[in-house]
Protein backbone atom coordinates (compact mmCIF):
# COMPACT_ATOMS: atom_id res chain seq x y z
CA UNK A 1 22.61 -18.07 -12.84
CA UNK A 2 19.68 -19.62 -14.95
CA UNK A 3 16.53 -17.70 -14.52
CA UNK A 4 13.73 -18.99 -12.72
CA UNK A 5 10.15 -18.82 -14.91
CA UNK A 6 8.40 -18.96 -11.74
CA UNK A 7 9.99 -15.98 -9.79
CA UNK A 8 9.86 -13.96 -12.98
CA UNK A 9 6.03 -14.39 -13.44
CA UNK A 10 5.36 -13.87 -9.32
CA UNK A 11 7.26 -10.83 -10.17
CA UNK A 12 5.33 -9.43 -13.43
CA UNK A 13 1.66 -10.92 -11.68
CA UNK A 14 2.62 -8.78 -8.32
CA UNK A 15 3.67 -5.65 -11.08
CA UNK A 16 0.22 -6.36 -12.48
CA UNK A 17 -1.91 -6.27 -9.57
CA UNK A 18 0.09 -2.89 -8.41
CA UNK A 19 -0.33 -1.67 -11.80
CA UNK A 20 -3.67 -2.12 -12.79
CA UNK A 21 -5.68 -3.47 -9.90
CA UNK A 22 -4.27 -1.14 -7.19
CA UNK A 23 -3.44 1.92 -9.63
CA UNK A 24 -0.30 2.76 -8.70
CA UNK A 25 1.58 3.18 -12.40
CA UNK A 26 4.14 4.78 -10.78
CA UNK A 27 5.41 2.43 -8.06
CA UNK A 28 8.84 1.55 -7.62
CA UNK A 29 11.09 -1.35 -8.40
CA UNK A 30 11.69 -1.41 -4.42
CA UNK A 31 7.26 -1.71 -3.93
CA UNK A 32 7.10 -4.07 -6.66
CA UNK A 33 9.96 -6.49 -5.14
CA UNK A 34 8.32 -5.80 -1.26
CA UNK A 35 5.22 -6.85 -2.87
CA UNK A 36 6.40 -9.87 -4.40
CA UNK A 37 8.18 -10.97 -1.04
CA UNK A 38 11.58 -10.98 -3.12
CA UNK A 39 14.63 -8.26 -2.98
CA UNK A 40 14.92 -5.65 -5.38
CA UNK A 41 18.32 -6.99 -6.85
CA UNK A 42 16.09 -10.32 -8.63
CA UNK A 43 13.60 -7.60 -9.94
CA UNK A 44 16.51 -5.90 -11.62
CA UNK A 45 18.07 -9.30 -12.47
CA UNK A 46 14.65 -10.23 -14.49
CA UNK A 47 13.85 -6.84 -16.20
CA UNK A 48 17.14 -5.08 -16.01
CA UNK A 49 14.81 -1.70 -15.25
CA UNK A 50 11.11 -0.46 -14.15
CA UNK A 51 10.33 0.53 -17.32
CA UNK A 52 11.32 -2.36 -19.32
CA UNK A 53 9.08 -4.18 -16.54
CA UNK A 54 6.40 -2.03 -17.16
CA UNK A 55 6.16 -2.15 -20.68
CA UNK A 56 6.29 -5.80 -20.95
CA UNK A 57 3.72 -6.05 -18.01
CA UNK A 58 1.39 -3.73 -20.23
CA UNK A 59 2.09 -5.37 -23.52
CA UNK A 60 1.19 -8.85 -21.54
CA UNK A 61 -2.38 -7.25 -20.23
CA UNK A 62 -3.25 -5.44 -23.44
CA UNK A 63 -2.56 -8.45 -25.17
CA UNK A 64 -4.71 -10.40 -22.80
CA UNK A 65 -7.56 -7.97 -23.39
CA UNK A 66 -7.01 -8.16 -26.99
CA UNK A 67 -7.43 -11.93 -26.67
CA UNK A 68 -10.76 -11.73 -24.62
CA UNK A 69 -11.95 -8.92 -26.43
CA UNK A 70 -11.57 -11.32 -29.56
CA UNK A 71 -13.52 -13.91 -28.59
CA UNK A 72 -16.69 -12.10 -28.13
CA UNK A 73 -16.37 -9.25 -30.75
CA UNK A 74 -15.30 -12.83 -33.68
CA UNK A 75 -17.69 -15.19 -32.19
CA UNK A 76 -20.08 -16.68 -33.93
CA UNK A 77 -22.78 -15.46 -31.14
CA UNK A 78 -26.03 -13.79 -31.97
CA UNK A 79 -26.40 -10.48 -31.15
CA UNK A 80 -28.29 -10.92 -27.72
CA UNK A 81 -25.51 -13.60 -26.75
CA UNK A 82 -22.43 -11.27 -27.98
CA UNK A 83 -23.89 -8.23 -26.22
CA UNK A 84 -24.45 -10.18 -22.60
CA UNK A 85 -21.07 -11.58 -22.91
CA UNK A 86 -19.48 -8.32 -23.59
CA UNK A 87 -21.11 -6.94 -20.43
CA UNK A 88 -20.23 -9.62 -18.50
CA UNK A 89 -16.75 -9.99 -19.42
CA UNK A 90 -16.17 -6.23 -19.50
CA UNK A 91 -17.38 -5.65 -15.63
CA UNK A 92 -15.79 -8.49 -14.53
CA UNK A 93 -12.23 -7.67 -16.00
CA UNK A 94 -12.68 -3.78 -15.47
CA UNK A 95 -13.72 -4.85 -11.85
CA UNK A 96 -10.84 -6.79 -11.68
CA UNK A 97 -8.09 -4.30 -12.97
CA UNK A 98 -9.64 -0.81 -13.07
CA UNK A 99 -6.72 1.21 -13.77
CA UNK A 100 -6.23 -0.96 -16.91
CA UNK A 101 -8.37 0.58 -18.85
CA UNK A 102 -7.02 4.00 -18.02
CA UNK A 103 -3.89 3.07 -19.19
CA UNK A 104 -4.88 1.89 -22.41
CA UNK A 105 -6.74 5.51 -23.11
CA UNK A 106 -3.74 7.12 -22.05
CA UNK A 107 -1.75 4.70 -24.63
CA UNK A 108 -3.99 5.55 -27.46
CA UNK A 109 -4.11 9.09 -26.67
CA UNK A 110 -0.23 9.05 -26.56
CA UNK A 111 0.98 7.27 -29.70
CA UNK A 112 -0.88 4.23 -30.90
CA UNK A 113 -3.08 4.80 -34.49
CA UNK A 114 -1.98 1.17 -35.55
CA UNK A 115 -3.78 -0.22 -32.40
CA UNK A 116 -6.61 1.89 -32.95
CA UNK A 117 -6.47 0.90 -36.96
CA UNK A 118 -6.35 -2.92 -35.71
CA UNK A 119 -9.28 -2.78 -33.21
CA UNK A 120 -11.70 -0.74 -35.63
CA UNK A 121 -11.37 -3.31 -38.44
CA UNK A 122 -11.47 -6.81 -36.35
CA UNK A 123 -13.83 -5.67 -33.58
CA UNK A 124 -15.38 -2.17 -34.30
CA UNK A 125 -16.81 -2.38 -37.57
CA UNK A 126 -17.81 -5.78 -37.52
CA UNK A 127 -19.79 -5.05 -34.37
CA UNK A 128 -20.99 -1.39 -35.75
CA UNK A 129 -22.67 -4.13 -38.19
CA UNK A 130 -24.48 -6.39 -35.75
CA UNK A 131 -25.91 -3.16 -34.16
CA UNK A 132 -27.20 -1.90 -37.41
CA UNK A 133 -28.56 -4.84 -38.32
CA UNK A 134 -30.32 -5.58 -34.51
CA UNK A 135 -31.86 -1.99 -35.23
CA UNK A 136 -33.01 -2.88 -38.73
CA UNK A 137 -34.82 -5.95 -37.49
CA UNK A 138 -36.63 -3.83 -34.86
CA UNK A 139 -35.04 -5.37 -31.84
CA UNK A 140 -33.14 -2.29 -30.54
CA UNK A 141 -33.57 1.83 -30.27
CA UNK A 142 -32.56 2.85 -33.79
CA UNK A 143 -29.93 5.46 -33.77
CA UNK A 144 -26.18 5.99 -35.31
CA UNK A 145 -24.93 2.63 -34.09
CA UNK A 146 -21.70 4.54 -33.04
CA UNK A 147 -23.97 6.12 -30.47
CA UNK A 148 -25.16 2.62 -29.42
CA UNK A 149 -21.53 2.07 -29.03
CA UNK A 150 -20.76 4.46 -27.27
CA UNK A 151 -23.46 4.49 -24.82
CA UNK A 152 -23.15 0.92 -23.99
CA UNK A 153 -19.00 1.16 -23.39
CA UNK A 154 -20.22 4.56 -20.91
CA UNK A 155 -22.92 2.51 -18.70
CA UNK A 156 -20.44 -0.29 -18.33
CA UNK A 157 -16.71 1.85 -17.79
CA UNK A 158 -17.98 4.36 -16.29
CA UNK A 159 -19.09 2.95 -12.94
CA UNK A 160 -15.49 1.22 -12.94
CA UNK A 161 -13.49 4.00 -13.77
CA UNK A 162 -15.23 6.71 -11.13
CA UNK A 163 -15.95 4.15 -8.36
CA UNK A 164 -14.19 6.42 -5.68
CA UNK A 165 -15.77 8.99 -6.34
CA UNK A 166 -19.18 7.01 -6.42
CA UNK A 167 -18.19 5.12 -3.49
CA UNK A 168 -17.56 8.34 -1.37
CA UNK A 169 -20.30 10.44 -2.58
CA UNK A 170 -23.10 8.03 -1.96
CA UNK A 171 -21.36 6.27 0.87
CA UNK A 172 -21.25 3.24 -0.60
CA UNK A 173 -19.24 0.47 0.82
CA UNK A 174 -16.53 -1.88 -1.03
CA UNK A 175 -18.90 -5.11 -0.83
CA UNK A 176 -22.11 -2.88 -1.68
CA UNK A 177 -20.29 -1.62 -5.23
CA UNK A 178 -19.08 -5.10 -5.86
CA UNK A 179 -22.83 -6.49 -5.33
CA UNK A 180 -24.02 -3.09 -7.54
CA UNK A 181 -21.51 -4.26 -10.32
CA UNK A 182 -23.01 -7.68 -10.65
CA UNK A 183 -26.39 -6.38 -10.73
CA UNK A 184 -25.29 -4.07 -13.23
CA UNK A 185 -24.66 -6.75 -15.35
CA UNK A 186 -28.30 -7.42 -15.98
CA UNK A 187 -29.54 -4.11 -15.34
CA UNK A 188 -27.78 -2.52 -18.59
CA UNK A 189 -28.94 -5.83 -20.70
CA UNK A 190 -32.26 -4.90 -19.63
CA UNK A 191 -32.05 -0.96 -20.47
CA UNK A 192 -31.10 -2.01 -24.05
CA UNK A 193 -33.89 -4.69 -24.03
CA UNK A 194 -36.71 -3.90 -21.92
CA UNK A 195 -38.78 -6.57 -21.56
CA UNK A 196 -37.55 -8.98 -24.15
């Protein structure tokens, strides 16, 4: 039997949605097959096991994120442009796949020193230098650039990672929350560059 790339991609896309958009990290191959509209034997035919499918989907999702972040951190943008783009892309990506960030945190905590070193050298270190330069110019509040970066990612990530709690406690509808996250892009930028 010749493998159909369309069916294989459908299964991977469905698994990605189930794992990282819906947060069902323990979904079974039957759950994925049902959602994809295929039978379970096809899932096993293409991926042999749930573990292999999960690993492949996770690796592709992390690579997508790496490419998106690379285009921002390594690009030749001014700091303000880089910051606006980072905030916008991060919120859009995390809104679409909120559980991917939790997965990334879990995986990094488990066993990914190589990934940490690579991300530090290619993304974090140059960004910290950009932050320090912007502080030296007097354009943003002076602090340890690492504190700035932690604050920035906290402002972007926490509302998305804790969306269920926030929506429940504050009685915010899904529609309202989506609108709030869109507004948040500008709010975060204005917190960093007030009246500028």
